[in-house]
Amino acid sequence: MGILSFFRSKPAPATASLAKERLQVLIAHERTDRDGPDYLPMLKQDILDVIKKYVAVGEDQVSVQLDTQENCDVLELNITLPEDEELAASNKKSDDKPTPKHRRSKVT
């Protein structure tokens, strides 16, 4: 039987089901992007411009996401800040600008 099974055609891999699964994932991602507000890219750019006034960060270091949790929209902003040495170097470059005092405030 080993020799006969060698000559038999092998079953085709389940490419149709794999393609269907990939398409479903792609459609789900497009739906979440479409459901988001149109102003989100502009808001991200405005936030990035304000942050760049005080800290040298790139666009790839800022992540803005809008999530809905329990009937409440949550704007999540993640910023990767540079190390202290890099921050000091960027502040020295902009000596003509006053260095802002950092305060922590609690938002409720």
PDB file of N, CA and C in Angstrom:
ATOM      1  N   MET A   1       0.806  -1.194   0.000  1.00  0.00           N
ATOM      2  CA  MET A   1       0.000   0.000   0.000  1.00  0.00           C
ATOM      3  C   MET A   1       0.850   1.259   0.000  1.00  0.00           C
ATOM      4  N   GLY A   2       2.064   1.190   0.502  1.00  0.00           N
ATOM      5  CA  GLY A   2       2.914   2.365   0.567  1.00  0.00           C
ATOM      6  C   GLY A   2       3.240   2.916  -0.803  1.00  0.00           C
ATOM      7  N   ILE A   3       3.452   2.038  -1.776  1.00  0.00           N
ATOM      8  CA  ILE A   3       3.791   2.477  -3.132  1.00  0.00           C
ATOM      9  C   ILE A   3       2.572   3.093  -3.812  1.00  0.00           C
ATOM     10  N   LEU A   4       1.407   2.513  -3.614  1.00  0.00           N
ATOM     11  CA  LEU A   4       0.192   3.052  -4.231  1.00  0.00           C
ATOM     12  C   LEU A   4      -0.174   4.418  -3.656  1.00  0.00           C
ATOM     13  N   SER A   5       0.031   4.598  -2.381  1.00  0.00           N
ATOM     14  CA  SER A   5      -0.300   5.893  -1.783  1.00  0.00           C
ATOM     15  C   SER A   5       0.640   6.990  -2.270  1.00  0.00           C
ATOM     16  N   PHE A   6       1.816   6.608  -2.730  1.00  0.00           N
ATOM     17  CA  PHE A   6       2.763   7.586  -3.263  1.00  0.00           C
ATOM     18  C   PHE A   6       2.249   8.197  -4.566  1.00  0.00           C
ATOM     19  N   PHE A   7       1.574   7.387  -5.376  1.00  0.00           N
ATOM     20  CA  PHE A   7       1.096   7.849  -6.672  1.00  0.00           C
ATOM     21  C   PHE A   7      -0.280   8.508  -6.615  1.00  0.00           C
ATOM     22  N   ARG A   8      -0.962   8.382  -5.537  1.00  0.00           N
ATOM     23  CA  ARG A   8      -2.278   9.013  -5.415  1.00  0.00           C
ATOM     24  C   ARG A   8      -2.110  10.520  -5.271  1.00  0.00           C
ATOM     25  N   SER A   9      -3.094  11.219  -5.741  1.00  0.00           N
ATOM     26  CA  SER A   9      -3.032  12.681  -5.596  1.00  0.00           C
ATOM     27  C   SER A   9      -3.273  13.052  -4.135  1.00  0.00           C
ATOM     28  N   LYS A  10      -2.542  14.005  -3.718  1.00  0.00           N
ATOM     29  CA  LYS A  10      -2.662  14.449  -2.329  1.00  0.00           C
ATOM     30  C   LYS A  10      -3.834  15.414  -2.221  1.00  0.00           C
ATOM     31  N   PRO A  11      -4.512  15.391  -1.102  1.00  0.00           N
ATOM     32  CA  PRO A  11      -5.647  16.310  -0.956  1.00  0.00           C
ATOM     33  C   PRO A  11      -5.148  17.761  -0.979  1.00  0.00           C
ATOM     34  N   ALA A  12      -5.897  18.569  -1.661  1.00  0.00           N
ATOM     35  CA  ALA A  12      -5.531  19.987  -1.764  1.00  0.00           C
ATOM     36  C   ALA A  12      -5.688  20.649  -0.400  1.00  0.00           C
ATOM     37  N   PRO A  13      -4.773  21.525  -0.061  1.00  0.00           N
ATOM     38  CA  PRO A  13      -4.922  22.216   1.218  1.00  0.00           C
ATOM     39  C   PRO A  13      -6.175  23.084   1.205  1.00  0.00           C
ATOM     40  N   ALA A  14      -6.669  23.355   2.347  1.00  0.00           N
ATOM     41  CA  ALA A  14      -7.916  24.110   2.482  1.00  0.00           C
ATOM     42  C   ALA A  14      -7.659  25.592   2.226  1.00  0.00           C
ATOM     43  N   THR A  15      -7.313  25.912   0.990  1.00  0.00           N
ATOM     44  CA  THR A  15      -7.005  27.306   0.662  1.00  0.00           C
ATOM     45  C   THR A  15      -8.249  28.175   0.666  1.00  0.00           C
ATOM     46  N   ALA A  16      -9.384  27.596   0.320  1.00  0.00           N
ATOM     47  CA  ALA A  16     -10.615  28.385   0.299  1.00  0.00           C
ATOM     48  C   ALA A  16     -10.984  28.851   1.702  1.00  0.00           C
ATOM     49  N   SER A  17     -10.883  27.957   2.667  1.00  0.00           N
ATOM     50  CA  SER A  17     -11.226  28.350   4.036  1.00  0.00           C
ATOM     51  C   SER A  17     -10.202  29.333   4.598  1.00  0.00           C
ATOM     52  N   LEU A  18      -8.942  29.168   4.218  1.00  0.00           N
ATOM     53  CA  LEU A  18      -7.909  30.103   4.658  1.00  0.00           C
ATOM     54  C   LEU A  18      -8.141  31.484   4.052  1.00  0.00           C
ATOM     55  N   ALA A  19      -8.476  31.529   2.771  1.00  0.00           N
ATOM     56  CA  ALA A  19      -8.758  32.809   2.112  1.00  0.00           C
ATOM     57  C   ALA A  19      -9.987  33.471   2.720  1.00  0.00           C
ATOM     58  N   LYS A  20     -10.997  32.679   3.041  1.00  0.00           N
ATOM     59  CA  LYS A  20     -12.211  33.222   3.652  1.00  0.00           C
ATOM     60  C   LYS A  20     -11.897  33.834   5.016  1.00  0.00           C
ATOM     61  N   GLU A  21     -11.085  33.149   5.799  1.00  0.00           N
ATOM     62  CA  GLU A  21     -10.716  33.651   7.122  1.00  0.00           C
ATOM     63  C   GLU A  21      -9.934  34.957   7.013  1.00  0.00           C
ATOM     64  N   ARG A  22      -8.993  35.017   6.082  1.00  0.00           N
ATOM     65  CA  ARG A  22      -8.208  36.241   5.889  1.00  0.00           C
ATOM     66  C   ARG A  22      -9.090  37.398   5.433  1.00  0.00           C
ATOM     67  N   LEU A  23     -10.042  37.108   4.566  1.00  0.00           N
ATOM     68  CA  LEU A  23     -10.956  38.139   4.091  1.00  0.00           C
ATOM     69  C   LEU A  23     -11.827  38.663   5.226  1.00  0.00           C
ATOM     70  N   GLN A  24     -12.262  37.781   6.111  1.00  0.00           N
ATOM     71  CA  GLN A  24     -13.067  38.204   7.252  1.00  0.00           C
ATOM     72  C   GLN A  24     -12.272  39.117   8.177  1.00  0.00           C
ATOM     73  N   VAL A  25     -10.999  38.807   8.386  1.00  0.00           N
ATOM     74  CA  VAL A  25     -10.147  39.655   9.218  1.00  0.00           C
ATOM     75  C   VAL A  25      -9.972  41.022   8.570  1.00  0.00           C
ATOM     76  N   LEU A  26      -9.747  41.035   7.266  1.00  0.00           N
ATOM     77  CA  LEU A  26      -9.573  42.284   6.536  1.00  0.00           C
ATOM     78  C   LEU A  26     -10.830  43.146   6.601  1.00  0.00           C
ATOM     79  N   ILE A  27     -11.982  42.539   6.416  1.00  0.00           N
ATOM     80  CA  ILE A  27     -13.246  43.277   6.477  1.00  0.00           C
ATOM     81  C   ILE A  27     -13.487  43.817   7.876  1.00  0.00           C
ATOM     82  N   ALA A  28     -13.160  43.046   8.896  1.00  0.00           N
ATOM     83  CA  ALA A  28     -13.332  43.513  10.274  1.00  0.00           C
ATOM     84  C   ALA A  28     -12.468  44.737  10.546  1.00  0.00           C
ATOM     85  N   HIS A  29     -11.228  44.733  10.049  1.00  0.00           N
ATOM     86  CA  HIS A  29     -10.356  45.895  10.240  1.00  0.00           C
ATOM     87  C   HIS A  29     -10.887  47.115   9.505  1.00  0.00           C
ATOM     88  N   GLU A  30     -11.393  46.922   8.298  1.00  0.00           N
ATOM     89  CA  GLU A  30     -11.941  48.045   7.541  1.00  0.00           C
ATOM     90  C   GLU A  30     -13.174  48.619   8.214  1.00  0.00           C
ATOM     91  N   ARG A  31     -13.989  47.775   8.802  1.00  0.00           N
ATOM     92  CA  ARG A  31     -15.186  48.261   9.494  1.00  0.00           C
ATOM     93  C   ARG A  31     -14.818  49.091  10.711  1.00  0.00           C
ATOM     94  N   THR A  32     -13.810  48.684  11.448  1.00  0.00           N
ATOM     95  CA  THR A  32     -13.417  49.464  12.621  1.00  0.00           C
ATOM     96  C   THR A  32     -12.824  50.798  12.207  1.00  0.00           C
ATOM     97  N   ASP A  33     -12.083  50.828  11.100  1.00  0.00           N
ATOM     98  CA  ASP A  33     -11.541  52.095  10.615  1.00  0.00           C
ATOM     99  C   ASP A  33     -12.653  53.001  10.110  1.00  0.00           C
ATOM    100  N   ARG A  34     -13.640  52.430   9.461  1.00  0.00           N
ATOM    101  CA  ARG A  34     -14.733  53.221   8.907  1.00  0.00           C
ATOM    102  C   ARG A  34     -15.616  53.783  10.012  1.00  0.00           C
ATOM    103  N   ASP A  35     -15.778  53.037  11.098  1.00  0.00           N
ATOM    104  CA  ASP A  35     -16.625  53.490  12.189  1.00  0.00           C
ATOM    105  C   ASP A  35     -15.988  54.620  12.981  1.00  0.00           C
ATOM    106  N   GLY A  36     -14.687  54.789  12.854  1.00  0.00           N
ATOM    107  CA  GLY A  36     -13.998  55.851  13.574  1.00  0.00           C
ATOM    108  C   GLY A  36     -14.351  57.204  12.997  1.00  0.00           C
ATOM    109  N   PRO A  37     -14.203  58.245  13.794  1.00  0.00           N
ATOM    110  CA  PRO A  37     -14.536  59.587  13.313  1.00  0.00           C
ATOM    111  C   PRO A  37     -13.555  60.060  12.244  1.00  0.00           C
ATOM    112  N   ASP A  38     -14.046  60.919  11.365  1.00  0.00           N
ATOM    113  CA  ASP A  38     -13.224  61.435  10.276  1.00  0.00           C
ATOM    114  C   ASP A  38     -12.135  62.378  10.772  1.00  0.00           C
ATOM    115  N   TYR A  39     -12.352  62.978  11.921  1.00  0.00           N
ATOM    116  CA  TYR A  39     -11.409  63.972  12.428  1.00  0.00           C
ATOM    117  C   TYR A  39     -10.231  63.361  13.176  1.00  0.00           C
ATOM    118  N   LEU A  40     -10.207  62.064  13.378  1.00  0.00           N
ATOM    119  CA  LEU A  40      -9.154  61.441  14.179  1.00  0.00           C
ATOM    120  C   LEU A  40      -7.753  61.656  13.603  1.00  0.00           C
ATOM    121  N   PRO A  41      -7.503  61.513  12.298  1.00  0.00           N
ATOM    122  CA  PRO A  41      -6.151  61.795  11.787  1.00  0.00           C
ATOM    123  C   PRO A  41      -5.733  63.253  11.986  1.00  0.00           C
ATOM    124  N   MET A  42      -6.680  64.182  11.825  1.00  0.00           N
ATOM    125  CA  MET A  42      -6.362  65.602  12.042  1.00  0.00           C
ATOM    126  C   MET A  42      -6.078  65.872  13.513  1.00  0.00           C
ATOM    127  N   LEU A  43      -6.842  65.230  14.393  1.00  0.00           N
ATOM    128  CA  LEU A  43      -6.624  65.383  15.826  1.00  0.00           C
ATOM    129  C   LEU A  43      -5.256  64.852  16.215  1.00  0.00           C
ATOM    130  N   LYS A  44      -4.869  63.714  15.655  1.00  0.00           N
ATOM    131  CA  LYS A  44      -3.555  63.144  15.935  1.00  0.00           C
ATOM    132  C   LYS A  44      -2.455  64.105  15.502  1.00  0.00           C
ATOM    133  N   GLN A  45      -2.603  64.715  14.323  1.00  0.00           N
ATOM    134  CA  GLN A  45      -1.587  65.645  13.835  1.00  0.00           C
ATOM    135  C   GLN A  45      -1.515  66.890  14.716  1.00  0.00           C
ATOM    136  N   ASP A  46      -2.659  67.417  15.154  1.00  0.00           N
ATOM    137  CA  ASP A  46      -2.663  68.586  16.037  1.00  0.00           C
ATOM    138  C   ASP A  46      -2.003  68.273  17.372  1.00  0.00           C
ATOM    139  N   ILE A  47      -2.308  67.102  17.924  1.00  0.00           N
ATOM    140  CA  ILE A  47      -1.694  66.702  19.194  1.00  0.00           C
ATOM    141  C   ILE A  47      -0.191  66.553  19.019  1.00  0.00           C
ATOM    142  N   LEU A  48       0.228  65.958  17.918  1.00  0.00           N
ATOM    143  CA  LEU A  48       1.654  65.789  17.639  1.00  0.00           C
ATOM    144  C   LEU A  48       2.350  67.141  17.509  1.00  0.00           C
ATOM    145  N   ASP A  49       1.708  68.104  16.850  1.00  0.00           N
ATOM    146  CA  ASP A  49       2.294  69.439  16.703  1.00  0.00           C
ATOM    147  C   ASP A  49       2.481  70.119  18.057  1.00  0.00           C
ATOM    148  N   VAL A  50       1.513  69.968  18.946  1.00  0.00           N
ATOM    149  CA  VAL A  50       1.622  70.572  20.281  1.00  0.00           C
ATOM    150  C   VAL A  50       2.734  69.903  21.079  1.00  0.00           C
ATOM    151  N   ILE A  51       2.828  68.589  21.005  1.00  0.00           N
ATOM    152  CA  ILE A  51       3.867  67.867  21.744  1.00  0.00           C
ATOM    153  C   ILE A  51       5.247  68.245  21.228  1.00  0.00           C
ATOM    154  N   LYS A  52       5.375  68.426  19.909  1.00  0.00           N
ATOM    155  CA  LYS A  52       6.666  68.781  19.317  1.00  0.00           C
ATOM    156  C   LYS A  52       7.158  70.153  19.765  1.00  0.00           C
ATOM    157  N   LYS A  53       6.265  71.005  20.250  1.00  0.00           N
ATOM    158  CA  LYS A  53       6.692  72.309  20.769  1.00  0.00           C
ATOM    159  C   LYS A  53       7.568  72.143  22.008  1.00  0.00           C
ATOM    160  N   TYR A  54       7.358  71.073  22.746  1.00  0.00           N
ATOM    161  CA  TYR A  54       8.037  70.887  24.024  1.00  0.00           C
ATOM    162  C   TYR A  54       9.027  69.728  24.029  1.00  0.00           C
ATOM    163  N   VAL A  55       8.778  68.706  23.232  1.00  0.00           N
ATOM    164  CA  VAL A  55       9.611  67.504  23.239  1.00  0.00           C
ATOM    165  C   VAL A  55       9.832  67.061  21.795  1.00  0.00           C
ATOM    166  N   ALA A  56      11.052  66.620  21.502  1.00  0.00           N
ATOM    167  CA  ALA A  56      11.360  66.130  20.156  1.00  0.00           C
ATOM    168  C   ALA A  56      10.897  64.681  20.028  1.00  0.00           C
ATOM    169  N   VAL A  57       9.749  64.495  19.388  1.00  0.00           N
ATOM    170  CA  VAL A  57       9.218  63.155  19.141  1.00  0.00           C
ATOM    171  C   VAL A  57       8.840  63.044  17.673  1.00  0.00           C
ATOM    172  N   GLY A  58       8.850  61.822  17.184  1.00  0.00           N
ATOM    173  CA  GLY A  58       8.461  61.563  15.808  1.00  0.00           C
ATOM    174  C   GLY A  58       7.033  61.069  15.735  1.00  0.00           C
ATOM    175  N   GLU A  59       6.499  61.051  14.516  1.00  0.00           N
ATOM    176  CA  GLU A  59       5.128  60.596  14.331  1.00  0.00           C
ATOM    177  C   GLU A  59       4.951  59.136  14.716  1.00  0.00           C
ATOM    178  N   ASP A  60       6.004  58.349  14.552  1.00  0.00           N
ATOM    179  CA  ASP A  60       5.918  56.931  14.892  1.00  0.00           C
ATOM    180  C   ASP A  60       5.938  56.694  16.396  1.00  0.00           C
ATOM    181  N   GLN A  61       6.221  57.729  17.180  1.00  0.00           N
ATOM    182  CA  GLN A  61       6.269  57.593  18.633  1.00  0.00           C
ATOM    183  C   GLN A  61       4.963  58.007  19.299  1.00  0.00           C
ATOM    184  N   VAL A  62       3.970  58.384  18.510  1.00  0.00           N
ATOM    185  CA  VAL A  62       2.674  58.795  19.044  1.00  0.00           C
ATOM    186  C   VAL A  62       1.598  57.883  18.463  1.00  0.00           C
ATOM    187  N   SER A  63       0.787  57.329  19.340  1.00  0.00           N
ATOM    188  CA  SER A  63      -0.300  56.454  18.923  1.00  0.00           C
ATOM    189  C   SER A  63      -1.610  57.007  19.479  1.00  0.00           C
ATOM    190  N   VAL A  64      -2.593  57.210  18.606  1.00  0.00           N
ATOM    191  CA  VAL A  64      -3.900  57.719  19.015  1.00  0.00           C
ATOM    192  C   VAL A  64      -4.947  56.697  18.602  1.00  0.00           C
ATOM    193  N   GLN A  65      -5.772  56.286  19.563  1.00  0.00           N
ATOM    194  CA  GLN A  65      -6.833  55.320  19.280  1.00  0.00           C
ATOM    195  C   GLN A  65      -8.111  55.783  19.946  1.00  0.00           C
ATOM    196  N   LEU A  66      -9.214  55.501  19.308  1.00  0.00           N
ATOM    197  CA  LEU A  66     -10.521  55.808  19.861  1.00  0.00           C
ATOM    198  C   LEU A  66     -11.244  54.495  20.096  1.00  0.00           C
ATOM    199  N   ASP A  67     -11.574  54.203  21.342  1.00  0.00           N
ATOM    200  CA  ASP A  67     -12.258  52.966  21.704  1.00  0.00           C
ATOM    201  C   ASP A  67     -13.591  53.300  22.348  1.00  0.00           C
ATOM    202  N   THR A  68     -14.497  52.362  22.304  1.00  0.00           N
ATOM    203  CA  THR A  68     -15.778  52.505  22.984  1.00  0.00           C
ATOM    204  C   THR A  68     -15.854  51.449  24.070  1.00  0.00           C
ATOM    205  N   GLN A  69     -16.029  51.917  25.301  1.00  0.00           N
ATOM    206  CA  GLN A  69     -16.119  51.009  26.443  1.00  0.00           C
ATOM    207  C   GLN A  69     -17.345  51.387  27.255  1.00  0.00           C
ATOM    208  N   GLU A  70     -18.259  50.473  27.382  1.00  0.00           N
ATOM    209  CA  GLU A  70     -19.466  50.668  28.181  1.00  0.00           C
ATOM    210  C   GLU A  70     -20.183  51.964  27.808  1.00  0.00           C
ATOM    211  N   ASN A  71     -20.520  52.109  26.540  1.00  0.00           N
ATOM    212  CA  ASN A  71     -21.241  53.273  26.016  1.00  0.00           C
ATOM    213  C   ASN A  71     -20.517  54.588  26.244  1.00  0.00           C
ATOM    214  N   CYS A  72     -19.204  54.536  26.308  1.00  0.00           N
ATOM    215  CA  CYS A  72     -18.396  55.736  26.520  1.00  0.00           C
ATOM    216  C   CYS A  72     -17.210  55.687  25.561  1.00  0.00           C
ATOM    217  N   ASP A  73     -17.001  56.774  24.813  1.00  0.00           N
ATOM    218  CA  ASP A  73     -15.859  56.840  23.908  1.00  0.00           C
ATOM    219  C   ASP A  73     -14.614  57.230  24.688  1.00  0.00           C
ATOM    220  N   VAL A  74     -13.531  56.493  24.468  1.00  0.00           N
ATOM    221  CA  VAL A  74     -12.270  56.730  25.167  1.00  0.00           C
ATOM    222  C   VAL A  74     -11.197  57.025  24.128  1.00  0.00           C
ATOM    223  N   LEU A  75     -10.575  58.196  24.247  1.00  0.00           N
ATOM    224  CA  LEU A  75      -9.469  58.562  23.376  1.00  0.00           C
ATOM    225  C   LEU A  75      -8.189  58.179  24.096  1.00  0.00           C
ATOM    226  N   GLU A  76      -7.468  57.217  23.531  1.00  0.00           N
ATOM    227  CA  GLU A  76      -6.241  56.715  24.150  1.00  0.00           C
ATOM    228  C   GLU A  76      -5.050  57.290  23.402  1.00  0.00           C
ATOM    229  N   LEU A  77      -4.149  57.911  24.141  1.00  0.00           N
ATOM    230  CA  LEU A  77      -2.978  58.556  23.560  1.00  0.00           C
ATOM    231  C   LEU A  77      -1.743  57.977  24.215  1.00  0.00           C
ATOM    232  N   ASN A  78      -0.879  57.337  23.421  1.00  0.00           N
ATOM    233  CA  ASN A  78       0.372  56.769  23.915  1.00  0.00           C
ATOM    234  C   ASN A  78       1.524  57.491  23.253  1.00  0.00           C
ATOM    235  N   ILE A  79       2.420  58.049  24.072  1.00  0.00           N
ATOM    236  CA  ILE A  79       3.571  58.786  23.564  1.00  0.00           C
ATOM    237  C   ILE A  79       4.827  58.165  24.138  1.00  0.00           C
ATOM    238  N   THR A  80       5.753  57.804  23.268  1.00  0.00           N
ATOM    239  CA  THR A  80       7.049  57.319  23.708  1.00  0.00           C
ATOM    240  C   THR A  80       7.965  58.525  23.813  1.00  0.00           C
ATOM    241  N   LEU A  81       8.281  58.908  25.044  1.00  0.00           N
ATOM    242  CA  LEU A  81       9.121  60.079  25.274  1.00  0.00           C
ATOM    243  C   LEU A  81      10.590  59.699  25.176  1.00  0.00           C
ATOM    244  N   PRO A  82      11.437  60.630  24.726  1.00  0.00           N
ATOM    245  CA  PRO A  82      12.868  60.338  24.633  1.00  0.00           C
ATOM    246  C   PRO A  82      13.489  60.231  26.022  1.00  0.00           C
ATOM    247  N   GLU A  83      14.675  59.641  26.069  1.00  0.00           N
ATOM    248  CA  GLU A  83      15.401  59.519  27.328  1.00  0.00           C
ATOM    249  C   GLU A  83      15.793  60.905  27.833  1.00  0.00           C
ATOM    250  N   ASP A  84      16.203  61.007  29.092  1.00  0.00           N
ATOM    251  CA  ASP A  84      16.532  62.294  29.702  1.00  0.00           C
ATOM    252  C   ASP A  84      17.659  63.010  28.973  1.00  0.00           C
ATOM    253  N   GLU A  85      18.673  62.275  28.492  1.00  0.00           N
ATOM    254  CA  GLU A  85      19.789  62.912  27.795  1.00  0.00           C
ATOM    255  C   GLU A  85      19.315  63.544  26.488  1.00  0.00           C
ATOM    256  N   GLU A  86      18.449  62.822  25.772  1.00  0.00           N
ATOM    257  CA  GLU A  86      17.924  63.353  24.520  1.00  0.00           C
ATOM    258  C   GLU A  86      17.054  64.573  24.781  1.00  0.00           C
ATOM    259  N   LEU A  87      16.290  64.546  25.860  1.00  0.00           N
ATOM    260  CA  LEU A  87      15.433  65.665  26.213  1.00  0.00           C
ATOM    261  C   LEU A  87      16.268  66.883  26.562  1.00  0.00           C
ATOM    262  N   ALA A  88      17.352  66.680  27.307  1.00  0.00           N
ATOM    263  CA  ALA A  88      18.232  67.790  27.663  1.00  0.00           C
ATOM    264  C   ALA A  88      18.888  68.377  26.418  1.00  0.00           C
ATOM    265  N   ALA A  89      19.276  67.524  25.480  1.00  0.00           N
ATOM    266  CA  ALA A  89      19.894  68.000  24.245  1.00  0.00           C
ATOM    267  C   ALA A  89      18.899  68.806  23.414  1.00  0.00           C
ATOM    268  N   SER A  90      17.658  68.369  23.363  1.00  0.00           N
ATOM    269  CA  SER A  90      16.668  69.109  22.580  1.00  0.00           C
ATOM    270  C   SER A  90      16.331  70.436  23.245  1.00  0.00           C
ATOM    271  N   ASN A  91      16.383  70.497  24.584  1.00  0.00           N
ATOM    272  CA  ASN A  91      16.133  71.759  25.279  1.00  0.00           C
ATOM    273  C   ASN A  91      17.284  72.727  25.078  1.00  0.00           C
ATOM    274  N   LYS A  92      18.520  72.229  24.978  1.00  0.00           N
ATOM    275  CA  LYS A  92      19.666  73.102  24.749  1.00  0.00           C
ATOM    276  C   LYS A  92      19.614  73.706  23.354  1.00  0.00           C
ATOM    277  N   LYS A  93      19.102  72.942  22.385  1.00  0.00           N
ATOM    278  CA  LYS A  93      18.989  73.447  21.023  1.00  0.00           C
ATOM    279  C   LYS A  93      17.994  74.593  20.947  1.00  0.00           C
ATOM    280  N   SER A  94      16.986  74.554  21.770  1.00  0.00           N
ATOM    281  CA  SER A  94      15.956  75.593  21.738  1.00  0.00           C
ATOM    282  C   SER A  94      16.091  76.509  22.949  1.00  0.00           C
ATOM    283  N   ASP A  95      17.292  77.103  23.126  1.00  0.00           N
ATOM    284  CA  ASP A  95      17.522  77.997  24.261  1.00  0.00           C
ATOM    285  C   ASP A  95      16.688  79.263  24.169  1.00  0.00           C
ATOM    286  N   ASP A  96      16.308  79.660  22.971  1.00  0.00           N
ATOM    287  CA  ASP A  96      15.527  80.868  22.835  1.00  0.00           C
ATOM    288  C   ASP A  96      14.094  80.684  23.318  1.00  0.00           C
ATOM    289  N   LYS A  97      13.637  79.439  23.411  1.00  0.00           N
ATOM    290  CA  LYS A  97      12.301  79.168  23.917  1.00  0.00           C
ATOM    291  C   LYS A  97      12.381  78.900  25.421  1.00  0.00           C
ATOM    292  N   PRO A  98      11.477  79.454  26.190  1.00  0.00           N
ATOM    293  CA  PRO A  98      11.487  79.138  27.623  1.00  0.00           C
ATOM    294  C   PRO A  98      11.068  77.692  27.854  1.00  0.00           C
ATOM    295  N   THR A  99      11.732  77.057  28.796  1.00  0.00           N
ATOM    296  CA  THR A  99      11.413  75.676  29.132  1.00  0.00           C
ATOM    297  C   THR A  99      10.166  75.665  30.005  1.00  0.00           C
ATOM    298  N   PRO A 100       9.136  74.941  29.615  1.00  0.00           N
ATOM    299  CA  PRO A 100       7.908  74.940  30.404  1.00  0.00           C
ATOM    300  C   PRO A 100       8.086  74.161  31.697  1.00  0.00           C
ATOM    301  N   LYS A 101       7.381  74.603  32.714  1.00  0.00           N
ATOM    302  CA  LYS A 101       7.383  73.876  33.978  1.00  0.00           C
ATOM    303  C   LYS A 101       6.336  72.782  33.866  1.00  0.00           C
ATOM    304  N   HIS A 102       6.724  71.600  34.289  1.00  0.00           N
ATOM    305  CA  HIS A 102       5.825  70.459  34.173  1.00  0.00           C
ATOM    306  C   HIS A 102       5.039  70.312  35.466  1.00  0.00           C
ATOM    307  N   ARG A 103       3.749  70.228  35.326  1.00  0.00           N
ATOM    308  CA  ARG A 103       2.874  70.023  36.469  1.00  0.00           C
ATOM    309  C   ARG A 103       2.005  68.818  36.187  1.00  0.00           C
ATOM    310  N   ARG A 104       1.688  68.137  37.222  1.00  0.00           N
ATOM    311  CA  ARG A 104       0.766  67.016  37.082  1.00  0.00           C
ATOM    312  C   ARG A 104      -0.602  67.487  37.527  1.00  0.00           C
ATOM    313  N   SER A 105      -1.573  67.178  36.736  1.00  0.00           N
ATOM    314  CA  SER A 105      -2.931  67.518  37.118  1.00  0.00           C
ATOM    315  C   SER A 105      -3.797  66.285  36.956  1.00  0.00           C
ATOM    316  N   LYS A 106      -4.730  66.163  37.815  1.00  0.00           N
ATOM    317  CA  LYS A 106      -5.616  65.013  37.782  1.00  0.00           C
ATOM    318  C   LYS A 106      -6.892  65.412  37.056  1.00  0.00           C
ATOM    319  N   VAL A 107      -7.226  64.636  36.031  1.00  0.00           N
ATOM    320  CA  VAL A 107      -8.429  64.897  35.265  1.00  0.00           C
ATOM    321  C   VAL A 107      -9.454  63.847  35.642  1.00  0.00           C
ATOM    322  N   THR A 108     -10.628  64.298  35.996  1.00  0.00           N
ATOM    323  CA  THR A 108     -11.683  63.346  36.366  1.00  0.00           C
ATOM    324  C   THR A 108     -12.847  63.446  35.429  1.00  0.00           C
TER     325      THR A 108
END
